[in-house]
Amino acid sequence: MFVDRAKIFIKSGKGGNGCVSFRREPFVPEGGPDGGDGGKGGDVVFQADENMRTLMDFRYKRKYEAENGQDGMKKKRYGKNGETLTIKVPVGTMVIDVETGHVMGDLVEHGQSFVAAKGGKGGKGNTKYTTSTRQAPNFAEAGGEAKEREVILEMKLIADVGLVGFPNVGKSSLLSVSTSAKPKIANYHFTTIDPNLGVVRIYDKSFVMADIAGIIEGAHEGAGLGHKFLKHIERTKVLIHVVDVSGCEGRDPIEDFDKINNELEQYSPRLMKKPQIVVANKIDLIDEEDPQYIEFKEYVEAKGYKVFPMSAPINIGVKEVLAEAANILDKLLLEPIEEEDEYEMFDFEADEHDPDYRTVYADFDGRDYILSGKQLEKIFNSTNFTDSGSMRYLYKYIEKSGALDQLREMGIEDGDTIRVKDFEFEYIDEDYYF
């Protein structure tokens, strides 16, 4: 089964906690602190792999977690870093953050990768908190928290040439006679329900061609799974627009040509900037002097497109169409079309360096005053509540952050309760202690 979209949960590794330890050896009194740092948590990395063809694997496994960092140890031994979790995806996969809707990465080359969730930093051991006035710190830093997020994996085929047109106009037939691909071919609409790829070899050149499932009117709004089909055309360099000129289904070729181009433009205007080869297929069912065919050819050529008469099943005109596609691709190597990204990219710098990381927020729930903040919670998790030095370190951070000034402005009085997470303090203004 061809699966081109999946939603998964990823979580990086938590950083290991710093160690609280003191040197204990015979005949070495007051050896001092010797707690080591914790190890860094493992990252979550996405990497493009050309050996993968669909996102099928992500239908069955939806949760991916990297390894946590090891806690620090005594004798100043550092904890081991967590292993990086590498998630391999097909080439052409976009990774989208569900919360923001922004694209985190667009993996278009084999081996290309990026870090989607960084592991938490390892916490410092009590050795790192020694100062001239604090000779034996009885506390250490907690490891950094893991990052977790939901992401959408969306795969867009990477092909040089894309076949577009209404259902049952002969796109699959063209692919089958041009390549070794074996698409399903039958005389009914939507025989192709998933894209097919094949390698075309002509003269001394080769290129990848994709057979996109038939487009119908309203596809740009999602009709007939239009978005699922149209997105695979976005990465192609050249479009081969196949039109049934025989009228065997009672359709008007000119009307079909305009409708398909309208759907392409409505979905993404840049699709109309791509070179387009117009193929008048099923020419064997009519005469090239047929008034309807002549009218169609004149109409299309007036718009600046070349028209190639073709009958794929009996291999009439196929070579000329493929040669034209190969020539256009050669020209694009010299003068590539510059295409701007239409999606908004995820801001990794803001994600990594949160400007509000050290901000402490004060709130009142009608009973207690509540303090919260990312850095505050990290220091809180590191606090040894049985050690006065560790408590003093927490209090100084709250005071320097301006949180006490916020509380005073909110009207806090002696004896009121301050809550940080699940821990409660009593506020005493005179002693500046709580």
Protein backbone atom coordinates (compact mmCIF):
# COMPACT_ATOMS: atom_id res chain seq x y z
CA MET A 1 0.00 0.00 0.00
CA PHE A 2 1.23 3.48 -0.89
CA VAL A 3 1.04 5.68 2.24
CA ASP A 4 2.10 9.31 1.81
CA ARG A 5 0.95 10.88 5.10
CA ALA A 6 1.34 9.91 8.75
CA LYS A 7 1.09 11.52 12.18
CA ILE A 8 3.52 10.45 14.91
CA PHE A 9 4.67 11.47 18.40
CA ILE A 10 8.37 12.11 19.08
CA LYS A 11 10.18 12.71 22.35
CA SER A 12 13.84 13.46 22.94
CA GLY A 13 15.76 12.10 25.92
CA LYS A 14 15.75 13.81 29.30
CA GLY A 15 19.09 15.05 30.58
CA GLY A 16 20.65 13.08 33.43
CA ASN A 17 20.58 14.66 36.89
CA GLY A 18 23.75 15.98 38.48
CA CYS A 19 25.06 13.95 41.39
CA VAL A 20 25.27 15.06 45.03
CA SER A 21 28.27 13.25 46.48
CA PHE A 22 31.18 13.88 48.87
CA ARG A 23 34.57 12.30 48.76
CA ARG A 24 34.91 9.57 51.37
CA GLU A 25 38.35 7.98 51.76
CA PRO A 26 40.34 6.79 54.74
CA PHE A 27 42.63 9.45 56.21
CA VAL A 28 41.13 12.17 53.96
CA PRO A 29 38.93 14.28 56.26
CA GLU A 30 36.42 16.65 54.67
CA GLY A 31 37.25 15.48 51.15
CA GLY A 32 34.77 17.89 49.64
CA PRO A 33 32.11 17.49 46.94
CA ASP A 34 32.79 15.09 44.07
CA GLY A 35 29.42 14.70 42.30
CA GLY A 36 29.65 14.42 38.50
CA ASP A 37 27.43 15.94 35.81
CA GLY A 38 24.54 14.10 34.19
CA GLY A 39 24.67 13.03 30.54
CA LYS A 40 22.83 14.79 27.72
CA GLY A 41 19.54 13.26 26.55
CA GLY A 42 19.40 11.75 23.07
CA ASP A 43 18.20 13.82 20.10
CA VAL A 44 15.45 12.79 17.67
CA VAL A 45 16.75 13.05 14.09
CA PHE A 46 14.90 12.59 10.79
CA GLN A 47 16.97 11.30 7.85
CA ALA A 48 16.03 10.75 4.21
CA ASP A 49 16.60 7.22 2.88
CA GLU A 50 16.30 6.43 -0.84
CA ASN A 51 15.54 2.78 -0.02
CA MET A 52 12.17 3.71 1.47
CA ARG A 53 9.20 4.26 -0.84
CA THR A 54 6.22 4.98 1.44
CA LEU A 55 5.36 5.98 5.02
CA MET A 56 3.71 2.61 5.66
CA ASP A 57 5.90 1.84 8.70
CA PHE A 58 4.48 4.85 10.54
CA ARG A 59 0.95 3.44 10.32
CA TYR A 60 1.89 0.75 12.84
CA LYS A 61 4.36 2.55 15.10
CA ARG A 62 3.40 6.07 16.08
CA LYS A 63 5.51 6.79 19.18
CA TYR A 64 9.28 7.38 19.03
CA GLU A 65 11.41 8.20 22.09
CA ALA A 66 15.14 8.80 22.35
CA GLU A 67 17.24 7.50 25.26
CA ASN A 68 17.57 9.52 28.46
CA GLY A 69 20.95 10.73 29.67
CA GLN A 70 22.49 8.86 32.58
CA ASP A 71 22.67 10.54 35.98
CA GLY A 72 26.04 11.81 37.23
CA MET A 73 28.02 9.64 39.65
CA LYS A 74 30.37 10.05 42.58
CA LYS A 75 34.10 10.55 42.11
CA LYS A 76 33.30 13.27 39.53
CA ARG A 77 32.17 10.71 36.98
CA TYR A 78 29.91 12.04 34.25
CA GLY A 79 26.76 10.22 33.18
CA LYS A 80 26.64 8.71 29.71
CA ASN A 81 24.86 10.66 26.96
CA GLY A 82 21.62 9.18 25.64
CA GLU A 83 21.71 7.56 22.19
CA THR A 84 20.40 9.64 19.29
CA LEU A 85 17.22 8.24 17.75
CA THR A 86 17.40 8.39 13.94
CA ILE A 87 14.06 8.03 12.16
CA LYS A 88 14.45 7.20 8.46
CA VAL A 89 11.86 8.50 6.01
CA PRO A 90 11.54 8.39 2.18
CA VAL A 91 13.27 11.05 0.11
CA GLY A 92 10.77 13.85 -0.51
CA THR A 93 9.27 13.82 3.00
CA MET A 94 8.26 17.03 4.75
CA VAL A 95 8.13 17.09 8.57
CA ILE A 96 5.45 19.46 9.90
CA ASP A 97 4.97 20.53 13.52
CA VAL A 98 1.32 19.90 14.46
CA GLU A 99 1.10 22.69 17.07
CA THR A 100 2.30 25.52 14.81
CA GLY A 101 1.59 24.01 11.39
CA HIS A 102 5.08 25.10 10.26
CA VAL A 103 7.46 22.94 8.24
CA MET A 104 10.38 21.72 10.36
CA GLY A 105 12.31 20.06 7.55
CA ASP A 106 12.02 19.16 3.86
CA LEU A 107 14.20 16.14 3.08
CA VAL A 108 14.80 16.07 -0.67
CA GLU A 109 18.19 14.30 -0.90
CA HIS A 110 19.41 10.89 0.23
CA GLY A 111 21.17 11.20 3.59
CA GLN A 112 19.83 14.68 4.34
CA SER A 113 18.87 15.03 8.01
CA PHE A 114 17.92 17.46 10.76
CA VAL A 115 17.34 17.41 14.52
CA ALA A 116 13.60 17.65 15.24
CA ALA A 117 13.84 17.46 19.04
CA LYS A 118 17.00 18.13 21.03
CA GLY A 119 17.73 16.14 24.13
CA GLY A 120 17.79 17.85 27.52
CA LYS A 121 21.14 19.07 28.85
CA GLY A 122 22.79 17.11 31.60
CA GLY A 123 22.52 18.63 35.08
CA LYS A 124 25.60 19.88 36.92
CA GLY A 125 26.92 17.89 39.86
CA ASN A 126 27.42 19.52 43.25
CA THR A 127 31.12 19.96 42.42
CA LYS A 128 30.11 22.80 40.07
CA TYR A 129 28.34 24.74 42.86
CA THR A 130 31.37 25.12 45.10
CA THR A 131 32.30 28.73 45.90
CA SER A 132 34.54 30.46 48.40
CA THR A 133 31.60 30.78 50.80
CA ARG A 134 29.84 27.53 49.87
CA GLN A 135 32.43 24.83 50.41
CA ALA A 136 30.09 21.82 50.62
CA PRO A 137 26.98 22.32 48.46
CA ASN A 138 24.42 19.65 49.24
CA PHE A 139 22.48 20.07 46.01
CA ALA A 140 22.95 19.52 42.27
CA GLU A 141 21.19 20.55 39.08
CA ALA A 142 18.36 18.50 37.62
CA GLY A 143 18.71 17.34 34.03
CA GLY A 144 17.03 19.35 31.27
CA GLU A 145 13.53 18.30 30.31
CA ALA A 146 12.88 16.28 27.18
CA LYS A 147 11.18 17.91 24.19
CA GLU A 148 8.08 16.23 22.91
CA ARG A 149 5.84 17.09 19.98
CA GLU A 150 3.48 15.64 17.43
CA VAL A 151 4.59 15.88 13.82
CA ILE A 152 3.01 15.12 10.47
CA LEU A 153 5.09 13.33 7.87
CA GLU A 154 3.99 14.22 4.35
CA MET A 155 5.64 12.64 1.35
CA LYS A 156 5.76 14.30 -2.06
CA LEU A 157 7.18 12.29 -4.93
CA ILE A 158 10.42 13.52 -6.44
CA ALA A 159 10.17 13.02 -10.20
CA ASP A 160 11.48 14.93 -13.22
CA VAL A 161 8.26 14.64 -15.23
CA GLY A 162 4.66 14.40 -14.05
CA LEU A 163 1.69 13.12 -16.07
CA VAL A 164 -1.53 15.09 -15.54
CA GLY A 165 -4.98 14.92 -17.04
CA PHE A 166 -8.52 13.67 -16.49
CA PRO A 167 -9.12 10.02 -15.51
CA ASN A 168 -8.91 7.43 -18.29
CA VAL A 169 -7.11 9.62 -20.83
CA GLY A 170 -4.10 7.27 -21.17
CA LYS A 171 -1.53 8.43 -18.62
CA SER A 172 -0.89 4.93 -17.27
CA SER A 173 -0.60 3.58 -20.82
CA LEU A 174 2.09 6.16 -21.59
CA LEU A 175 4.01 5.23 -18.44
CA SER A 176 3.77 1.51 -19.21
CA VAL A 177 5.17 1.80 -22.76
CA SER A 178 7.86 4.30 -21.69
CA THR A 179 9.24 2.53 -18.64
CA SER A 180 9.40 -0.85 -16.96
CA ALA A 181 6.66 0.22 -14.53
CA LYS A 182 3.51 -1.92 -14.52
CA PRO A 183 0.61 0.39 -13.63
CA LYS A 184 -2.92 -0.97 -13.64
CA ILE A 185 -4.61 -0.22 -16.99
CA ALA A 186 -8.34 -0.64 -17.57
CA ASN A 187 -11.17 1.12 -19.38
CA TYR A 188 -12.73 2.85 -16.36
CA HIS A 189 -12.06 5.97 -14.34
CA PHE A 190 -9.59 6.06 -11.44
CA THR A 191 -7.80 2.87 -12.39
CA THR A 192 -4.79 4.61 -10.84
CA ILE A 193 -5.46 5.46 -7.20
CA ASP A 194 -1.81 5.83 -6.11
CA PRO A 195 1.09 7.51 -7.95
CA ASN A 196 3.37 5.26 -10.01
CA LEU A 197 7.02 5.95 -10.84
CA GLY A 198 9.12 4.75 -13.74
CA VAL A 199 12.52 5.53 -15.26
CA VAL A 200 12.46 6.63 -18.90
CA ARG A 201 15.55 5.92 -21.01
CA ILE A 202 15.77 7.62 -24.38
CA TYR A 203 18.93 7.96 -26.47
CA ASP A 204 21.70 8.48 -23.89
CA LYS A 205 19.44 10.21 -21.37
CA SER A 206 17.18 9.09 -18.57
CA PHE A 207 14.65 10.71 -16.25
CA VAL A 208 12.02 9.73 -13.68
CA MET A 209 8.37 10.02 -14.71
CA ALA A 210 5.39 9.93 -12.34
CA ASP A 211 1.86 8.89 -13.24
CA ILE A 212 -0.43 10.97 -11.02
CA ALA A 213 -3.97 9.73 -10.45
CA GLY A 214 -6.62 11.46 -12.59
CA ILE A 215 -7.61 15.00 -11.62
CA ILE A 216 -11.26 16.07 -11.67
CA GLU A 217 -12.97 19.44 -11.50
CA GLY A 218 -12.77 20.86 -7.98
CA ALA A 219 -9.56 18.93 -7.20
CA HIS A 220 -7.89 22.08 -5.82
CA GLU A 221 -10.57 22.08 -3.09
CA GLY A 222 -10.00 18.40 -2.33
CA ALA A 223 -12.63 16.87 -4.63
CA GLY A 224 -11.74 13.33 -5.69
CA LEU A 225 -8.85 13.33 -3.20
CA GLY A 226 -7.44 16.22 -5.22
CA HIS A 227 -4.99 17.44 -2.56
CA LYS A 228 -3.57 13.93 -2.20
CA PHE A 229 -2.91 13.78 -5.95
CA LEU A 230 -1.91 17.37 -6.70
CA LYS A 231 0.81 17.58 -4.04
CA HIS A 232 2.85 14.97 -5.91
CA ILE A 233 3.06 17.27 -8.94
CA GLU A 234 4.71 20.08 -6.96
CA ARG A 235 8.26 18.72 -7.14
CA THR A 236 8.20 17.77 -10.83
CA LYS A 237 10.16 19.92 -13.30
CA VAL A 238 8.06 19.25 -16.45
CA LEU A 239 4.38 18.41 -16.90
CA ILE A 240 3.01 16.20 -19.66
CA HIS A 241 -0.65 17.13 -20.02
CA VAL A 242 -2.50 14.17 -21.58
CA VAL A 243 -5.81 14.99 -23.31
CA ASP A 244 -8.22 12.51 -24.93
CA VAL A 245 -8.89 14.07 -28.35
CA SER A 246 -10.99 11.18 -29.66
CA GLY A 247 -14.16 12.34 -27.93
CA CYS A 248 -15.04 8.68 -27.33
CA GLU A 249 -16.48 9.57 -23.91
CA GLY A 250 -18.39 12.55 -25.22
CA ARG A 251 -15.94 15.07 -23.77
CA ASP A 252 -14.67 18.28 -25.35
CA PRO A 253 -10.81 18.29 -25.53
CA ILE A 254 -10.57 22.09 -25.30
CA GLU A 255 -12.83 22.14 -22.25
CA ASP A 256 -10.81 19.34 -20.61
CA PHE A 257 -7.53 21.15 -21.31
CA ASP A 258 -8.77 24.38 -19.71
CA LYS A 259 -10.31 22.65 -16.70
CA ILE A 260 -7.12 20.77 -15.80
CA ASN A 261 -4.98 23.90 -16.12
CA ASN A 262 -7.48 25.82 -14.01
CA GLU A 263 -7.26 23.19 -11.27
CA LEU A 264 -3.45 23.35 -11.36
CA GLU A 265 -3.47 27.14 -11.09
CA GLN A 266 -6.04 27.19 -8.31
CA TYR A 267 -4.01 24.67 -6.30
CA SER A 268 -0.69 26.49 -6.79
CA PRO A 269 0.02 29.25 -9.35
CA ARG A 270 3.64 28.11 -9.62
CA LEU A 271 2.49 24.86 -11.25
CA MET A 272 1.56 26.89 -14.32
CA LYS A 273 5.13 28.21 -14.48
CA LYS A 274 6.43 24.72 -15.15
CA PRO A 275 7.08 23.73 -18.78
CA GLN A 276 4.06 21.83 -20.12
CA ILE A 277 3.92 19.37 -23.02
CA VAL A 278 0.41 18.84 -24.38
CA VAL A 279 -0.29 15.34 -25.68
CA ALA A 280 -3.30 14.70 -27.94
CA ASN A 281 -3.82 11.05 -27.04
CA LYS A 282 -5.95 8.36 -28.75
CA ILE A 283 -5.18 9.92 -32.14
CA ASP A 284 -5.60 6.48 -33.69
CA LEU A 285 -9.37 6.69 -33.11
CA ILE A 286 -9.76 9.79 -35.29
CA ASP A 287 -8.21 11.36 -38.39
CA GLU A 288 -5.65 14.14 -37.94
CA GLU A 289 -7.79 16.15 -40.35
CA ASP A 290 -10.73 15.86 -37.96
CA PRO A 291 -12.18 19.39 -37.40
CA GLN A 292 -12.32 18.86 -33.61
CA TYR A 293 -8.65 17.90 -33.47
CA ILE A 294 -7.58 20.80 -35.68
CA GLU A 295 -9.58 23.23 -33.54
CA PHE A 296 -7.98 21.79 -30.38
CA LYS A 297 -4.46 22.02 -31.81
CA GLU A 298 -4.91 25.62 -32.97
CA TYR A 299 -6.41 26.61 -29.60
CA VAL A 300 -3.58 25.08 -27.56
CA GLU A 301 -0.79 26.36 -29.82
CA ALA A 302 -2.28 29.87 -29.62
CA LYS A 303 -1.61 29.67 -25.88
CA GLY A 304 2.06 28.90 -26.54
CA TYR A 305 2.11 25.12 -26.06
CA LYS A 306 3.31 22.44 -28.47
CA VAL A 307 0.83 19.67 -29.31
CA PHE A 308 2.04 16.11 -29.87
CA PRO A 309 -0.40 13.59 -31.42
CA MET A 310 0.01 10.19 -29.75
CA SER A 311 -1.49 6.77 -29.26
CA ALA A 312 0.24 5.11 -26.33
CA PRO A 313 -1.03 1.49 -26.71
CA ILE A 314 0.30 1.19 -30.28
CA ASN A 315 3.34 3.39 -29.59
CA ILE A 316 2.53 6.18 -32.05
CA GLY A 317 4.20 9.50 -31.17
CA VAL A 318 5.52 8.28 -27.81
CA LYS A 319 9.18 8.70 -28.75
CA GLU A 320 8.62 12.32 -29.84
CA VAL A 321 6.92 13.19 -26.53
CA LEU A 322 9.70 11.65 -24.43
CA ALA A 323 12.41 13.32 -26.54
CA GLU A 324 10.75 16.70 -26.01
CA ALA A 325 10.63 16.10 -22.24
CA ALA A 326 14.34 15.13 -22.21
CA ASN A 327 15.27 18.27 -24.18
CA ILE A 328 13.35 20.54 -21.79
CA LEU A 329 15.03 18.90 -18.81
CA ASP A 330 18.44 19.55 -20.39
CA LYS A 331 17.56 23.22 -20.84
CA LEU A 332 16.39 23.48 -17.23
CA LEU A 333 19.81 22.30 -16.08
CA LEU A 334 21.24 25.44 -17.68
CA GLU A 335 18.39 27.78 -16.71
CA PRO A 336 16.54 26.29 -13.73
CA ILE A 337 13.19 27.77 -12.72
CA GLU A 338 13.52 29.45 -9.34
CA GLU A 339 10.68 28.46 -7.06
CA GLU A 340 10.05 30.07 -3.69
CA ASP A 341 8.83 27.96 -0.80
CA GLU A 342 5.12 28.51 -0.19
CA TYR A 343 5.19 27.20 3.37
CA GLU A 344 6.29 28.80 6.62
CA MET A 345 9.40 27.31 8.20
CA PHE A 346 9.62 26.32 11.85
CA ASP A 347 11.80 28.69 13.92
CA PHE A 348 14.38 26.40 15.52
CA GLU A 349 16.34 29.32 16.97
CA ALA A 350 13.31 30.60 18.89
CA ASP A 351 12.52 27.05 19.96
CA GLU A 352 16.03 26.55 21.29
CA HIS A 353 16.52 29.99 22.84
CA ASP A 354 13.18 30.83 24.40
CA PRO A 355 13.36 34.54 25.39
CA ASP A 356 10.93 33.85 28.27
CA TYR A 357 12.91 30.89 29.60
CA ARG A 358 14.08 32.74 32.73
CA THR A 359 10.85 34.68 33.27
CA VAL A 360 8.93 33.92 36.47
CA TYR A 361 5.17 34.44 36.32
CA ALA A 362 3.03 35.30 39.36
CA ASP A 363 -0.66 34.45 39.61
CA PHE A 364 -3.39 34.23 42.27
CA ASP A 365 -6.04 31.50 42.25
CA GLY A 366 -8.19 33.00 45.02
CA ARG A 367 -6.40 31.11 47.78
CA ASP A 368 -2.65 30.89 47.07
CA TYR A 369 -0.13 32.91 45.11
CA ILE A 370 1.43 30.78 42.39
CA LEU A 371 4.86 31.14 40.80
CA SER A 372 5.74 29.39 37.54
CA GLY A 373 8.45 29.48 34.87
CA LYS A 374 10.68 27.07 32.96
CA GLN A 375 13.97 27.96 34.67
CA LEU A 376 12.26 28.28 38.05
CA GLU A 377 10.87 24.76 37.74
CA LYS A 378 14.28 23.42 36.74
CA ILE A 379 15.91 24.98 39.83
CA PHE A 380 12.97 23.81 41.96
CA ASN A 381 13.50 20.22 40.78
CA SER A 382 17.16 20.56 41.78
CA THR A 383 16.44 21.88 45.29
CA ASN A 384 17.28 19.87 48.39
CA PHE A 385 14.60 21.05 50.81
CA THR A 386 16.48 19.68 53.83
CA ASP A 387 19.55 21.82 53.06
CA SER A 388 19.55 25.53 53.92
CA GLY A 389 22.14 26.34 51.22
CA SER A 390 19.98 24.76 48.52
CA MET A 391 16.87 26.58 49.77
CA ARG A 392 18.79 29.86 49.80
CA TYR A 393 19.86 29.30 46.18
CA LEU A 394 16.18 28.85 45.16
CA TYR A 395 15.09 31.93 47.11
CA LYS A 396 17.80 34.14 45.59
CA TYR A 397 16.71 33.12 42.10
CA ILE A 398 13.08 34.02 42.87
CA GLU A 399 14.16 37.36 44.34
CA LYS A 400 16.48 38.26 41.42
CA SER A 401 13.86 37.31 38.84
CA GLY A 402 11.56 40.07 40.15
CA ALA A 403 8.89 37.58 41.24
CA LEU A 404 8.69 39.03 44.78
CA ASP A 405 8.07 42.52 43.37
CA GLN A 406 5.24 41.05 41.25
CA LEU A 407 3.71 39.45 44.36
CA ARG A 408 3.90 42.68 46.35
CA GLU A 409 2.17 44.56 43.53
CA MET A 410 -0.57 41.92 43.62
CA GLY A 411 -1.08 42.63 47.34
CA ILE A 412 0.59 39.70 49.07
CA GLU A 413 0.71 39.98 52.88
CA ASP A 414 2.54 38.26 55.72
CA GLY A 415 1.31 34.74 56.26
CA ASP A 416 -0.01 34.29 52.71
CA THR A 417 0.92 31.08 50.93
CA ILE A 418 3.17 30.94 47.87
CA ARG A 419 3.04 27.78 45.79
CA VAL A 420 5.67 26.52 43.36
CA LYS A 421 4.42 23.34 41.68
CA ASP A 422 3.25 21.18 44.63
CA PHE A 423 5.38 22.88 47.31
CA GLU A 424 4.01 25.63 49.58
CA PHE A 425 5.86 28.46 51.35
CA GLU A 426 4.71 31.02 53.87
CA TYR A 427 5.47 34.62 52.94
CA ILE A 428 7.13 36.75 55.66
CA ASP A 429 7.97 40.24 54.44
CA GLU A 430 10.08 41.36 57.40
CA ASP A 431 12.69 38.64 57.07
CA TYR A 432 12.54 38.47 53.27
CA TYR A 433 12.11 34.76 53.71
CA PHE A 434 9.26 32.37 53.00
